[in-house]
């Protein structure tokens, strides 16, 4: 089967507009001005901290894109030491930890992001991926369901939900999940390939070959090579039509 990579979250700098007030003669007006100036100082301090945190976050993203995952984690940790309620930093920290195969800590990172902002679709999706890697498929499906509830047209979540269902041998539900992804985007070759895998595991050579043909028409070299080695096709590997297809 074919899995999707993680979702990377984007962060945003909050900008504050500071205005100046005229001088005042009375004690009452002067007191009000002091309070306003104190609030302005607090806003400036908050804006400066936010920008520093965002700087470390962007640095972490650069490291993540360069596959320097340990450096990425260190940068996200710096961002979070300044701004602990930064869900995007927790998400991308989780992505870096996932790449390092530190799945338990990655899961904790995604949980932190969800605790801060429960409707973060990327956090639920990536959480599902980590749970799948930990072979906690039922929990993974629940996470994908949360991601889909937030963004129903997320074909990525439908595909990976299907993979988790396949691992549980719930093949018909898995196929239905792949069909959802295909309905959203008919060009999703990963969905067709995984659908072919699910049919092969049910020893349904005809439908396995039919779906594999569709994906090989789109990306022939990649999927012929995958199908030759993918153990999901073992139940139909001796089928002559299958053998001809992957040549």
C-alpha atoms as a PDB file:
ATOM      1  CA  UNK A   1       0.000   0.000   0.000  1.00  0.00           C
ATOM      2  CA  UNK A   2       0.994   3.611  -0.454  1.00  0.00           C
ATOM      3  CA  UNK A   3       0.831   6.191   2.358  1.00  0.00           C
ATOM      4  CA  UNK A   4       0.814   9.958   2.182  1.00  0.00           C
ATOM      5  CA  UNK A   5       3.399  12.148   3.832  1.00  0.00           C
ATOM      6  CA  UNK A   6       2.589  14.414   6.759  1.00  0.00           C
ATOM      7  CA  UNK A   7       0.911  17.810   6.588  1.00  0.00           C
ATOM      8  CA  UNK A   8       3.127  20.758   7.481  1.00  0.00           C
ATOM      9  CA  UNK A   9       1.436  23.608   9.319  1.00  0.00           C
ATOM     10  CA  UNK A  10       1.977  27.298   8.605  1.00  0.00           C
ATOM     11  CA  UNK A  11       2.255  30.008  11.239  1.00  0.00           C
ATOM     12  CA  UNK A  12       1.279  33.638  11.162  1.00  0.00           C
ATOM     13  CA  UNK A  13       2.789  36.696  12.811  1.00  0.00           C
ATOM     14  CA  UNK A  14       0.288  38.857  14.665  1.00  0.00           C
ATOM     15  CA  UNK A  15       0.891  42.549  13.975  1.00  0.00           C
ATOM     16  CA  UNK A  16      -0.179  45.265  16.385  1.00  0.00           C
ATOM     17  CA  UNK A  17      -1.052  48.823  15.311  1.00  0.00           C
ATOM     18  CA  UNK A  18       0.098  51.324  17.918  1.00  0.00           C
ATOM     19  CA  UNK A  19      -1.460  54.835  18.001  1.00  0.00           C
ATOM     20  CA  UNK A  20      -0.301  57.982  19.846  1.00  0.00           C
ATOM     21  CA  UNK A  21      -2.574  60.147  21.971  1.00  0.00           C
ATOM     22  CA  UNK A  22      -2.344  63.904  22.653  1.00  0.00           C
ATOM     23  CA  UNK A  23      -0.958  65.206  25.940  1.00  0.00           C
ATOM     24  CA  UNK A  24      -3.439  66.025  28.725  1.00  0.00           C
ATOM     25  CA  UNK A  25      -3.516  68.647  31.512  1.00  0.00           C
ATOM     26  CA  UNK A  26      -5.809  67.139  34.110  1.00  0.00           C
ATOM     27  CA  UNK A  27      -4.787  64.422  36.601  1.00  0.00           C
ATOM     28  CA  UNK A  28      -7.628  62.189  35.389  1.00  0.00           C
ATOM     29  CA  UNK A  29      -6.553  62.364  31.781  1.00  0.00           C
ATOM     30  CA  UNK A  30      -2.884  61.875  32.786  1.00  0.00           C
ATOM     31  CA  UNK A  31      -3.750  58.701  34.677  1.00  0.00           C
ATOM     32  CA  UNK A  32      -5.615  57.358  31.671  1.00  0.00           C
ATOM     33  CA  UNK A  33      -2.616  58.090  29.473  1.00  0.00           C
ATOM     34  CA  UNK A  34      -0.301  56.121  31.798  1.00  0.00           C
ATOM     35  CA  UNK A  35      -2.585  53.123  31.576  1.00  0.00           C
ATOM     36  CA  UNK A  36      -2.670  53.381  27.794  1.00  0.00           C
ATOM     37  CA  UNK A  37       1.123  53.645  27.626  1.00  0.00           C
ATOM     38  CA  UNK A  38       1.475  50.594  29.876  1.00  0.00           C
ATOM     39  CA  UNK A  39      -0.860  48.653  27.603  1.00  0.00           C
ATOM     40  CA  UNK A  40       1.136  49.766  24.572  1.00  0.00           C
ATOM     41  CA  UNK A  41       4.356  48.519  26.190  1.00  0.00           C
ATOM     42  CA  UNK A  42       2.731  45.175  26.932  1.00  0.00           C
ATOM     43  CA  UNK A  43       1.512  44.900  23.360  1.00  0.00           C
ATOM     44  CA  UNK A  44       4.982  45.714  22.023  1.00  0.00           C
ATOM     45  CA  UNK A  45       6.552  43.100  24.285  1.00  0.00           C
ATOM     46  CA  UNK A  46       3.976  40.548  23.190  1.00  0.00           C
ATOM     47  CA  UNK A  47       4.520  41.388  19.508  1.00  0.00           C
ATOM     48  CA  UNK A  48       8.314  41.105  19.907  1.00  0.00           C
ATOM     49  CA  UNK A  49       8.002  37.696  21.600  1.00  0.00           C
ATOM     50  CA  UNK A  50       5.590  36.532  18.886  1.00  0.00           C
ATOM     51  CA  UNK A  51       8.004  37.577  16.150  1.00  0.00           C
ATOM     52  CA  UNK A  52      10.930  35.813  17.867  1.00  0.00           C
ATOM     53  CA  UNK A  53       8.854  32.665  18.209  1.00  0.00           C
ATOM     54  CA  UNK A  54       7.825  32.907  14.561  1.00  0.00           C
ATOM     55  CA  UNK A  55      11.486  33.315  13.600  1.00  0.00           C
ATOM     56  CA  UNK A  56      12.446  30.066  15.329  1.00  0.00           C
ATOM     57  CA  UNK A  57       9.374  28.407  13.777  1.00  0.00           C
ATOM     58  CA  UNK A  58      10.462  29.434  10.271  1.00  0.00           C
ATOM     59  CA  UNK A  59      13.989  28.254  11.035  1.00  0.00           C
ATOM     60  CA  UNK A  60      12.536  24.904  12.090  1.00  0.00           C
ATOM     61  CA  UNK A  61      10.561  24.704   8.836  1.00  0.00           C
ATOM     62  CA  UNK A  62      13.743  25.290   6.833  1.00  0.00           C
ATOM     63  CA  UNK A  63      15.473  22.496   8.734  1.00  0.00           C
ATOM     64  CA  UNK A  64      12.433  20.256   8.224  1.00  0.00           C
ATOM     65  CA  UNK A  65      12.455  20.873   4.474  1.00  0.00           C
ATOM     66  CA  UNK A  66      16.200  20.119   4.417  1.00  0.00           C
ATOM     67  CA  UNK A  67      15.645  16.836   6.317  1.00  0.00           C
ATOM     68  CA  UNK A  68      17.663  18.126   9.282  1.00  0.00           C
ATOM     69  CA  UNK A  69      15.110  16.780  11.709  1.00  0.00           C
ATOM     70  CA  UNK A  70      17.028  17.053  14.989  1.00  0.00           C
ATOM     71  CA  UNK A  71      17.845  20.687  14.226  1.00  0.00           C
ATOM     72  CA  UNK A  72      14.179  21.249  13.354  1.00  0.00           C
ATOM     73  CA  UNK A  73      13.050  19.869  16.718  1.00  0.00           C
ATOM     74  CA  UNK A  74      15.543  22.128  18.520  1.00  0.00           C
ATOM     75  CA  UNK A  75      14.252  25.194  16.630  1.00  0.00           C
ATOM     76  CA  UNK A  76      10.607  24.345  17.355  1.00  0.00           C
ATOM     77  CA  UNK A  77      11.497  23.868  21.024  1.00  0.00           C
ATOM     78  CA  UNK A  78      12.920  27.405  21.058  1.00  0.00           C
ATOM     79  CA  UNK A  79       9.755  28.746  19.432  1.00  0.00           C
ATOM     80  CA  UNK A  80       7.613  26.935  21.985  1.00  0.00           C
ATOM     81  CA  UNK A  81       9.707  28.104  24.949  1.00  0.00           C
ATOM     82  CA  UNK A  82       8.661  31.642  23.967  1.00  0.00           C
ATOM     83  CA  UNK A  83       5.118  30.855  22.867  1.00  0.00           C
ATOM     84  CA  UNK A  84       3.854  27.533  24.299  1.00  0.00           C
ATOM     85  CA  UNK A  85       0.375  27.972  22.763  1.00  0.00           C
ATOM     86  CA  UNK A  86       1.696  27.804  19.179  1.00  0.00           C
ATOM     87  CA  UNK A  87      -0.177  24.870  17.568  1.00  0.00           C
ATOM     88  CA  UNK A  88       1.667  25.037  14.247  1.00  0.00           C
ATOM     89  CA  UNK A  89       5.018  24.653  16.022  1.00  0.00           C
ATOM     90  CA  UNK A  90       3.706  21.631  17.945  1.00  0.00           C
ATOM     91  CA  UNK A  91       2.460  20.091  14.676  1.00  0.00           C
ATOM     92  CA  UNK A  92       5.712  20.539  12.768  1.00  0.00           C
ATOM     93  CA  UNK A  93       7.705  19.420  15.803  1.00  0.00           C
ATOM     94  CA  UNK A  94       5.607  16.269  15.657  1.00  0.00           C
ATOM     95  CA  UNK A  95       6.380  15.901  11.947  1.00  0.00           C
ATOM     96  CA  UNK A  96      10.137  16.135  12.601  1.00  0.00           C
ATOM     97  CA  UNK A  97       9.898  13.616  15.439  1.00  0.00           C
ATOM     98  CA  UNK A  98       7.903  11.287  13.169  1.00  0.00           C
ATOM     99  CA  UNK A  99      10.711  11.466  10.602  1.00  0.00           C
ATOM    100  CA  UNK A 100      13.127  10.532  13.411  1.00  0.00           C
ATOM    101  CA  UNK A 101      10.826   7.582  14.236  1.00  0.00           C
ATOM    102  CA  UNK A 102      10.268   9.011  17.695  1.00  0.00           C
ATOM    103  CA  UNK A 103       6.588   8.193  17.439  1.00  0.00           C
ATOM    104  CA  UNK A 104       5.552   8.457  21.073  1.00  0.00           C
ATOM    105  CA  UNK A 105       6.966  11.960  21.441  1.00  0.00           C
ATOM    106  CA  UNK A 106       5.494  12.916  18.059  1.00  0.00           C
ATOM    107  CA  UNK A 107       2.084  11.761  19.250  1.00  0.00           C
ATOM    108  CA  UNK A 108       2.456  13.897  22.369  1.00  0.00           C
ATOM    109  CA  UNK A 109       3.293  16.887  20.156  1.00  0.00           C
ATOM    110  CA  UNK A 110       0.178  16.448  18.047  1.00  0.00           C
ATOM    111  CA  UNK A 111      -1.899  16.064  21.204  1.00  0.00           C
ATOM    112  CA  UNK A 112      -0.490  19.385  22.465  1.00  0.00           C
ATOM    113  CA  UNK A 113      -1.559  21.092  19.224  1.00  0.00           C
ATOM    114  CA  UNK A 114      -5.059  19.604  19.497  1.00  0.00           C
ATOM    115  CA  UNK A 115      -5.372  20.690  23.125  1.00  0.00           C
ATOM    116  CA  UNK A 116      -4.611  24.262  22.049  1.00  0.00           C
ATOM    117  CA  UNK A 117      -6.733  24.237  18.897  1.00  0.00           C
ATOM    118  CA  UNK A 118      -9.067  21.220  18.588  1.00  0.00           C
ATOM    119  CA  UNK A 119     -10.058  21.976  14.982  1.00  0.00           C
ATOM    120  CA  UNK A 120      -6.506  21.706  13.597  1.00  0.00           C
ATOM    121  CA  UNK A 121      -7.029  19.276  10.721  1.00  0.00           C
ATOM    122  CA  UNK A 122      -3.282  18.784  10.157  1.00  0.00           C
ATOM    123  CA  UNK A 123      -2.804  17.700  13.768  1.00  0.00           C
ATOM    124  CA  UNK A 124      -5.534  15.060  13.588  1.00  0.00           C
ATOM    125  CA  UNK A 125      -4.291  13.771  10.220  1.00  0.00           C
ATOM    126  CA  UNK A 126      -0.646  13.503  11.306  1.00  0.00           C
ATOM    127  CA  UNK A 127      -1.740  11.981  14.613  1.00  0.00           C
ATOM    128  CA  UNK A 128      -3.530   9.291  12.610  1.00  0.00           C
ATOM    129  CA  UNK A 129      -0.350   8.606  10.635  1.00  0.00           C
ATOM    130  CA  UNK A 130       1.709   8.142  13.808  1.00  0.00           C
ATOM    131  CA  UNK A 131      -0.900   5.849  15.323  1.00  0.00           C
ATOM    132  CA  UNK A 132      -0.842   3.805  12.108  1.00  0.00           C
ATOM    133  CA  UNK A 133       2.938   3.491  12.395  1.00  0.00           C
ATOM    134  CA  UNK A 134       2.433   2.292  15.958  1.00  0.00           C
ATOM    135  CA  UNK A 135      -0.090  -0.249  14.582  1.00  0.00           C
ATOM    136  CA  UNK A 136      -2.824   1.318  16.683  1.00  0.00           C
ATOM    137  CA  UNK A 137      -5.159   1.233  13.711  1.00  0.00           C
ATOM    138  CA  UNK A 138      -8.483   1.665  15.471  1.00  0.00           C
ATOM    139  CA  UNK A 139      -7.233   4.857  17.127  1.00  0.00           C
ATOM    140  CA  UNK A 140      -5.753   5.967  13.816  1.00  0.00           C
ATOM    141  CA  UNK A 141      -9.163   5.630  12.140  1.00  0.00           C
ATOM    142  CA  UNK A 142     -10.712   7.754  14.901  1.00  0.00           C
ATOM    143  CA  UNK A 143      -8.099  10.465  14.236  1.00  0.00           C
ATOM    144  CA  UNK A 144      -8.709  10.369  10.476  1.00  0.00           C
ATOM    145  CA  UNK A 145     -12.438  10.630  11.174  1.00  0.00           C
ATOM    146  CA  UNK A 146     -11.752  13.799  13.187  1.00  0.00           C
ATOM    147  CA  UNK A 147      -9.655  15.203  10.333  1.00  0.00           C
ATOM    148  CA  UNK A 148     -12.450  14.395   7.856  1.00  0.00           C
ATOM    149  CA  UNK A 149     -15.081  15.973  10.114  1.00  0.00           C
ATOM    150  CA  UNK A 150     -13.068  19.201   9.958  1.00  0.00           C
ATOM    151  CA  UNK A 151     -12.315  18.948   6.223  1.00  0.00           C
ATOM    152  CA  UNK A 152     -14.587  16.467   4.458  1.00  0.00           C
ATOM    153  CA  UNK A 153     -12.834  16.817   1.075  1.00  0.00           C
ATOM    154  CA  UNK A 154      -9.437  15.739   2.458  1.00  0.00           C
ATOM    155  CA  UNK A 155      -8.723  12.828   0.116  1.00  0.00           C
ATOM    156  CA  UNK A 156      -5.433  12.291   1.977  1.00  0.00           C
ATOM    157  CA  UNK A 157      -7.345  11.437   5.145  1.00  0.00           C
ATOM    158  CA  UNK A 158      -9.767   9.183   3.250  1.00  0.00           C
ATOM    159  CA  UNK A 159      -6.846   7.279   1.697  1.00  0.00           C
ATOM    160  CA  UNK A 160      -4.947   6.779   4.944  1.00  0.00           C
ATOM    161  CA  UNK A 161      -8.188   5.860   6.712  1.00  0.00           C
ATOM    162  CA  UNK A 162      -8.598   3.169   4.066  1.00  0.00           C
ATOM    163  CA  UNK A 163      -5.081   1.881   4.737  1.00  0.00           C
ATOM    164  CA  UNK A 164      -5.791   1.573   8.465  1.00  0.00           C
ATOM    165  CA  UNK A 165      -9.027  -0.289   7.701  1.00  0.00           C
ATOM    166  CA  UNK A 166      -7.141  -2.611   5.355  1.00  0.00           C
ATOM    167  CA  UNK A 167      -4.672  -3.402   8.125  1.00  0.00           C
ATOM    168  CA  UNK A 168      -7.648  -4.430  10.255  1.00  0.00           C
ATOM    169  CA  UNK A 169      -8.868  -6.618   7.349  1.00  0.00           C
ATOM    170  CA  UNK A 170     -12.000  -4.499   7.057  1.00  0.00           C
ATOM    171  CA  UNK A 171     -11.645  -4.537   3.303  1.00  0.00           C
ATOM    172  CA  UNK A 172     -15.096  -3.378   2.196  1.00  0.00           C
ATOM    173  CA  UNK A 173     -14.927  -0.347   4.493  1.00  0.00           C
ATOM    174  CA  UNK A 174     -11.428   0.364   3.202  1.00  0.00           C
ATOM    175  CA  UNK A 175     -12.617   0.241  -0.417  1.00  0.00           C
ATOM    176  CA  UNK A 176     -15.472   2.604   0.454  1.00  0.00           C
ATOM    177  CA  UNK A 177     -12.909   4.992   1.946  1.00  0.00           C
ATOM    178  CA  UNK A 178     -10.771   4.871  -1.204  1.00  0.00           C
ATOM    179  CA  UNK A 179     -13.890   5.474  -3.289  1.00  0.00           C
ATOM    180  CA  UNK A 180     -14.542   8.634  -1.243  1.00  0.00           C
ATOM    181  CA  UNK A 181     -11.038   9.874  -2.103  1.00  0.00           C
ATOM    182  CA  UNK A 182     -11.575   9.068  -5.800  1.00  0.00           C
ATOM    183  CA  UNK A 183     -14.914  10.893  -5.824  1.00  0.00           C
ATOM    184  CA  UNK A 184     -13.187  14.002  -4.428  1.00  0.00           C
ATOM    185  CA  UNK A 185     -10.317  13.755  -6.919  1.00  0.00           C
ATOM    186  CA  UNK A 186     -10.589  11.111  -9.678  1.00  0.00           C
ATOM    187  CA  UNK A 187      -6.883  11.532 -10.468  1.00  0.00           C
ATOM    188  CA  UNK A 188      -5.692  10.227  -7.095  1.00  0.00           C
ATOM    189  CA  UNK A 189      -3.660   7.249  -8.280  1.00  0.00           C
ATOM    190  CA  UNK A 190      -2.745   6.315  -4.685  1.00  0.00           C
ATOM    191  CA  UNK A 191      -6.413   5.596  -4.024  1.00  0.00           C
ATOM    192  CA  UNK A 192      -6.696   3.294  -7.045  1.00  0.00           C
ATOM    193  CA  UNK A 193      -3.507   1.459  -6.100  1.00  0.00           C
ATOM    194  CA  UNK A 194      -4.591   0.906  -2.498  1.00  0.00           C
ATOM    195  CA  UNK A 195      -8.012  -0.159  -3.706  1.00  0.00           C
ATOM    196  CA  UNK A 196      -6.308  -2.754  -5.917  1.00  0.00           C
ATOM    197  CA  UNK A 197      -4.374  -3.959  -2.853  1.00  0.00           C
ATOM    198  CA  UNK A 198      -7.597  -4.376  -0.866  1.00  0.00           C
ATOM    199  CA  UNK A 199      -9.191  -6.429  -3.648  1.00  0.00           C
ATOM    200  CA  UNK A 200      -6.049  -8.560  -3.987  1.00  0.00           C
ATOM    201  CA  UNK A 201      -6.097  -9.312  -0.258  1.00  0.00           C
ATOM    202  CA  UNK A 202      -9.665 -10.569  -0.764  1.00  0.00           C
ATOM    203  CA  UNK A 203      -8.354 -12.771  -3.625  1.00  0.00           C
ATOM    204  CA  UNK A 204     -10.539 -10.853  -6.062  1.00  0.00           C
ATOM    205  CA  UNK A 205      -8.078 -10.915  -8.979  1.00  0.00           C
ATOM    206  CA  UNK A 206     -10.482  -9.314 -11.469  1.00  0.00           C
ATOM    207  CA  UNK A 207     -11.122  -6.114  -9.493  1.00  0.00           C
ATOM    208  CA  UNK A 208      -7.532  -5.965  -8.249  1.00  0.00           C
ATOM    209  CA  UNK A 209      -6.271  -6.029 -11.847  1.00  0.00           C
ATOM    210  CA  UNK A 210      -8.944  -3.560 -13.006  1.00  0.00           C
ATOM    211  CA  UNK A 211      -7.867  -0.952 -10.432  1.00  0.00           C
ATOM    212  CA  UNK A 212      -4.178  -1.639 -10.918  1.00  0.00           C
ATOM    213  CA  UNK A 213      -4.625  -1.095 -14.665  1.00  0.00           C
ATOM    214  CA  UNK A 214      -6.088   2.353 -13.986  1.00  0.00           C
ATOM    215  CA  UNK A 215      -3.134   3.423 -11.878  1.00  0.00           C
ATOM    216  CA  UNK A 216      -0.526   1.924 -14.204  1.00  0.00           C
ATOM    217  CA  UNK A 217      -2.073   3.913 -17.054  1.00  0.00           C
ATOM    218  CA  UNK A 218      -1.430   7.081 -15.030  1.00  0.00           C
ATOM    219  CA  UNK A 219       2.043   6.331 -13.642  1.00  0.00           C
ATOM    220  CA  UNK A 220       3.311   3.114 -15.254  1.00  0.00           C
ATOM    221  CA  UNK A 221       6.909   2.765 -14.055  1.00  0.00           C
ATOM    222  CA  UNK A 222       6.229   3.598 -10.403  1.00  0.00           C
ATOM    223  CA  UNK A 223       3.279   1.282  -9.894  1.00  0.00           C
ATOM    224  CA  UNK A 224       4.584  -1.642 -11.910  1.00  0.00           C
ATOM    225  CA  UNK A 225       7.689  -1.591  -9.722  1.00  0.00           C
ATOM    226  CA  UNK A 226       5.616  -1.313  -6.521  1.00  0.00           C
ATOM    227  CA  UNK A 227       3.229  -4.094  -7.506  1.00  0.00           C
ATOM    228  CA  UNK A 228       6.095  -6.479  -8.280  1.00  0.00           C
ATOM    229  CA  UNK A 229       7.274  -6.263  -4.657  1.00  0.00           C
ATOM    230  CA  UNK A 230       4.109  -5.470  -2.711  1.00  0.00           C
ATOM    231  CA  UNK A 231       3.116  -8.471  -0.580  1.00  0.00           C
ATOM    232  CA  UNK A 232      -0.532  -7.337  -0.714  1.00  0.00           C
ATOM    233  CA  UNK A 233      -0.654  -8.792  -4.236  1.00  0.00           C
ATOM    234  CA  UNK A 234       0.625 -12.227  -3.194  1.00  0.00           C
ATOM    235  CA  UNK A 235      -2.897 -13.762  -3.230  1.00  0.00           C
ATOM    236  CA  UNK A 236      -3.208 -12.932  -6.973  1.00  0.00           C
ATOM    237  CA  UNK A 237       0.459 -13.009  -7.983  1.00  0.00           C
ATOM    238  CA  UNK A 238       0.169 -16.231  -9.988  1.00  0.00           C
ATOM    239  CA  UNK A 239      -2.650 -14.825 -12.097  1.00  0.00           C
ATOM    240  CA  UNK A 240      -1.454 -14.615 -15.727  1.00  0.00           C
ATOM    241  CA  UNK A 241      -3.201 -11.310 -16.400  1.00  0.00           C
ATOM    242  CA  UNK A 242      -1.578  -9.818 -13.288  1.00  0.00           C
ATOM    243  CA  UNK A 243       1.840 -11.035 -14.393  1.00  0.00           C
ATOM    244  CA  UNK A 244       1.352  -9.522 -17.847  1.00  0.00           C
ATOM    245  CA  UNK A 245       0.260  -6.228 -16.315  1.00  0.00           C
ATOM    246  CA  UNK A 246       3.387  -5.751 -14.180  1.00  0.00           C
ATOM    247  CA  UNK A 247       5.889  -6.720 -16.888  1.00  0.00           C
END
